[in-house]
């Protein structure tokens, strides 16, 4: 298995479903042009985050805990 931070495939969408929240962010919808994952240091070690872009500007950032990823074929 490839770890998320080493996986070089292009991300198509990220999504989350919890008791209170449901959301999906998909490239090509609502101005989203790119989704990337990256590491951020924290008090407990490295945490995987994602950046959701609108053009060259980051519109949203999320930590990836509890989120799903769909890759482009």
N, C-alpha and C. Protein backbone atom coordinates (compact mmCIF):
# COMPACT_ATOMS: atom_id res chain seq x y z
N UNK A 1 0.85 -1.18 0.00
CA UNK A 1 0.00 0.00 0.00
C UNK A 1 0.89 1.24 0.00
N UNK A 2 0.49 2.24 -0.77
CA UNK A 2 1.22 3.50 -0.84
C UNK A 2 0.60 4.46 0.19
N UNK A 3 1.44 5.09 0.98
CA UNK A 3 0.95 6.10 1.92
C UNK A 3 0.45 7.32 1.15
N UNK A 4 -0.55 7.98 1.70
CA UNK A 4 -1.20 9.10 1.00
C UNK A 4 -0.20 10.16 0.57
N UNK A 5 0.75 10.51 1.43
CA UNK A 5 1.70 11.57 1.10
C UNK A 5 2.69 11.15 0.00
N UNK A 6 2.86 9.84 -0.22
CA UNK A 6 3.75 9.38 -1.29
C UNK A 6 2.99 9.05 -2.57
N UNK A 7 1.68 9.02 -2.53
CA UNK A 7 0.87 8.68 -3.70
C UNK A 7 0.84 9.87 -4.65
N UNK A 8 1.36 9.70 -5.84
CA UNK A 8 1.48 10.80 -6.80
C UNK A 8 0.30 10.89 -7.76
N UNK A 9 -0.72 10.02 -7.59
CA UNK A 9 -1.89 10.11 -8.48
C UNK A 9 -2.63 11.42 -8.24
N UNK A 10 -3.28 11.90 -9.30
CA UNK A 10 -4.06 13.13 -9.22
C UNK A 10 -5.36 12.86 -8.46
N UNK A 11 -5.70 13.75 -7.54
CA UNK A 11 -6.91 13.59 -6.74
C UNK A 11 -8.09 14.21 -7.48
N UNK A 12 -9.18 13.44 -7.56
CA UNK A 12 -10.40 13.92 -8.21
C UNK A 12 -11.33 14.59 -7.20
N UNK A 13 -11.44 13.99 -5.99
CA UNK A 13 -12.34 14.57 -4.99
C UNK A 13 -11.94 14.11 -3.59
N UNK A 14 -12.38 14.89 -2.61
CA UNK A 14 -12.29 14.50 -1.20
C UNK A 14 -13.69 14.67 -0.61
N UNK A 15 -14.01 13.84 0.38
CA UNK A 15 -15.35 13.88 0.95
C UNK A 15 -15.33 13.50 2.41
N UNK A 16 -16.37 13.92 3.09
CA UNK A 16 -16.52 13.62 4.52
C UNK A 16 -18.00 13.42 4.81
N UNK A 17 -18.29 12.46 5.68
CA UNK A 17 -19.64 12.25 6.17
C UNK A 17 -19.54 11.98 7.67
N UNK A 18 -20.17 12.82 8.45
CA UNK A 18 -20.25 12.61 9.90
C UNK A 18 -21.70 12.73 10.31
N UNK A 19 -21.97 12.66 11.59
CA UNK A 19 -23.34 12.81 12.07
C UNK A 19 -23.92 14.16 11.71
N UNK A 20 -23.07 15.21 11.70
CA UNK A 20 -23.57 16.58 11.50
C UNK A 20 -23.19 17.18 10.16
N UNK A 21 -22.25 16.58 9.46
CA UNK A 21 -21.70 17.21 8.27
C UNK A 21 -21.60 16.22 7.12
N UNK A 22 -21.90 16.69 5.93
CA UNK A 22 -21.67 15.89 4.74
C UNK A 22 -21.18 16.85 3.67
N UNK A 23 -20.08 16.51 3.03
CA UNK A 23 -19.56 17.40 2.01
C UNK A 23 -18.66 16.66 1.05
N UNK A 24 -18.61 17.18 -0.17
CA UNK A 24 -17.71 16.66 -1.18
C UNK A 24 -17.15 17.85 -1.95
N UNK A 25 -15.87 17.79 -2.22
CA UNK A 25 -15.19 18.82 -2.99
C UNK A 25 -14.56 18.11 -4.18
N UNK A 26 -14.96 18.50 -5.41
CA UNK A 26 -14.58 17.78 -6.62
C UNK A 26 -13.96 18.73 -7.63
N UNK A 27 -12.82 18.33 -8.19
CA UNK A 27 -12.17 19.13 -9.24
C UNK A 27 -13.14 19.29 -10.41
N UNK A 28 -13.25 20.53 -10.90
CA UNK A 28 -14.14 20.83 -12.02
C UNK A 28 -15.51 21.31 -11.59
N UNK A 29 -15.80 21.32 -10.30
CA UNK A 29 -17.09 21.77 -9.78
C UNK A 29 -16.87 22.97 -8.86
N UNK A 30 -17.76 23.95 -8.97
CA UNK A 30 -17.73 25.14 -8.10
C UNK A 30 -16.38 25.85 -8.11
N UNK A 31 -15.72 25.86 -9.25
CA UNK A 31 -14.46 26.58 -9.40
C UNK A 31 -13.23 25.86 -8.87
N UNK A 32 -13.38 24.64 -8.37
CA UNK A 32 -12.23 23.89 -7.84
C UNK A 32 -11.36 23.40 -8.99
N UNK A 33 -10.09 23.76 -8.94
CA UNK A 33 -9.17 23.42 -10.03
C UNK A 33 -8.17 22.34 -9.66
N UNK A 34 -7.91 22.15 -8.37
CA UNK A 34 -6.90 21.18 -7.96
C UNK A 34 -7.07 20.87 -6.48
N UNK A 35 -6.76 19.61 -6.11
CA UNK A 35 -6.74 19.19 -4.71
C UNK A 35 -5.40 18.51 -4.47
N UNK A 36 -4.70 18.95 -3.44
CA UNK A 36 -3.40 18.37 -3.10
C UNK A 36 -3.36 18.02 -1.62
N UNK A 37 -2.63 16.95 -1.28
CA UNK A 37 -2.37 16.64 0.13
C UNK A 37 -0.94 17.03 0.45
N UNK A 38 -0.72 17.40 1.71
CA UNK A 38 0.62 17.83 2.13
C UNK A 38 0.77 17.59 3.62
N UNK A 39 2.00 17.49 4.12
CA UNK A 39 2.22 17.28 5.55
C UNK A 39 2.29 18.60 6.32
N UNK A 40 1.77 18.59 7.53
CA UNK A 40 1.91 19.72 8.45
C UNK A 40 2.38 19.17 9.79
N UNK A 41 3.35 19.82 10.38
CA UNK A 41 3.82 19.43 11.70
C UNK A 41 2.78 19.81 12.75
N UNK A 42 2.65 18.96 13.76
CA UNK A 42 1.75 19.26 14.88
C UNK A 42 2.43 18.83 16.17
N UNK A 43 1.75 19.00 17.28
CA UNK A 43 2.31 18.62 18.57
C UNK A 43 2.50 17.11 18.68
N UNK A 44 1.74 16.33 17.90
CA UNK A 44 1.83 14.88 17.99
C UNK A 44 2.60 14.25 16.84
N UNK A 45 3.10 15.05 15.92
CA UNK A 45 3.82 14.53 14.76
C UNK A 45 3.29 15.15 13.48
N UNK A 46 3.54 14.49 12.38
CA UNK A 46 3.11 15.00 11.08
C UNK A 46 1.66 14.58 10.83
N UNK A 47 0.83 15.55 10.40
CA UNK A 47 -0.57 15.32 10.09
C UNK A 47 -0.78 15.61 8.61
N UNK A 48 -1.56 14.75 7.93
CA UNK A 48 -1.86 14.95 6.52
C UNK A 48 -3.02 15.93 6.37
N UNK A 49 -2.80 16.96 5.58
CA UNK A 49 -3.81 17.97 5.27
C UNK A 49 -4.06 17.97 3.77
N UNK A 50 -5.18 18.57 3.34
CA UNK A 50 -5.40 18.79 1.91
C UNK A 50 -5.69 20.26 1.69
N UNK A 51 -5.26 20.72 0.51
CA UNK A 51 -5.53 22.08 0.07
C UNK A 51 -6.43 21.99 -1.16
N UNK A 52 -7.50 22.77 -1.16
CA UNK A 52 -8.44 22.79 -2.27
C UNK A 52 -8.31 24.15 -2.94
N UNK A 53 -7.95 24.12 -4.22
CA UNK A 53 -7.62 25.33 -4.96
C UNK A 53 -8.76 25.81 -5.84
N UNK A 54 -8.86 27.13 -5.94
CA UNK A 54 -9.69 27.82 -6.93
C UNK A 54 -8.70 28.63 -7.75
N UNK A 55 -8.32 28.13 -8.93
CA UNK A 55 -7.22 28.73 -9.69
C UNK A 55 -5.93 28.45 -8.94
N UNK A 56 -5.13 29.48 -8.69
CA UNK A 56 -3.88 29.34 -7.96
C UNK A 56 -4.03 29.67 -6.48
N UNK A 57 -5.25 29.92 -6.03
CA UNK A 57 -5.53 30.34 -4.66
C UNK A 57 -6.12 29.18 -3.87
N UNK A 58 -5.59 28.95 -2.67
CA UNK A 58 -6.17 27.93 -1.79
C UNK A 58 -7.47 28.47 -1.22
N UNK A 59 -8.57 27.77 -1.51
CA UNK A 59 -9.88 28.19 -1.03
C UNK A 59 -10.22 27.54 0.32
N UNK A 60 -9.85 26.26 0.49
CA UNK A 60 -10.11 25.53 1.73
C UNK A 60 -8.89 24.70 2.10
N UNK A 61 -8.74 24.43 3.40
CA UNK A 61 -7.76 23.47 3.91
C UNK A 61 -8.49 22.62 4.95
N UNK A 62 -8.20 21.32 4.92
CA UNK A 62 -8.77 20.40 5.89
C UNK A 62 -7.70 19.44 6.35
N UNK A 63 -7.74 19.03 7.62
CA UNK A 63 -6.92 17.87 7.98
C UNK A 63 -7.69 16.65 7.48
N UNK A 64 -7.00 15.64 7.07
CA UNK A 64 -7.60 14.51 6.37
C UNK A 64 -8.17 13.43 7.30
N UNK A 65 -8.17 13.67 8.60
CA UNK A 65 -8.73 12.70 9.53
C UNK A 65 -10.21 12.50 9.22
N UNK A 66 -10.60 11.28 8.94
CA UNK A 66 -12.00 10.96 8.68
C UNK A 66 -12.48 11.31 7.29
N UNK A 67 -11.59 11.72 6.39
CA UNK A 67 -11.99 12.10 5.04
C UNK A 67 -11.65 10.99 4.05
N UNK A 68 -12.39 10.92 2.98
CA UNK A 68 -12.14 9.96 1.91
C UNK A 68 -11.55 10.68 0.71
N UNK A 69 -10.86 9.91 -0.15
CA UNK A 69 -10.21 10.46 -1.34
C UNK A 69 -10.61 9.59 -2.53
N UNK A 70 -10.93 10.25 -3.65
CA UNK A 70 -11.13 9.57 -4.92
C UNK A 70 -10.06 10.08 -5.86
N UNK A 71 -9.33 9.14 -6.50
CA UNK A 71 -8.27 9.50 -7.44
C UNK A 71 -8.79 9.42 -8.86
N UNK A 72 -8.21 10.24 -9.75
CA UNK A 72 -8.53 10.15 -11.17
C UNK A 72 -7.95 8.87 -11.71
N UNK A 73 -8.65 8.27 -12.67
CA UNK A 73 -8.15 7.03 -13.29
C UNK A 73 -6.97 7.31 -14.19
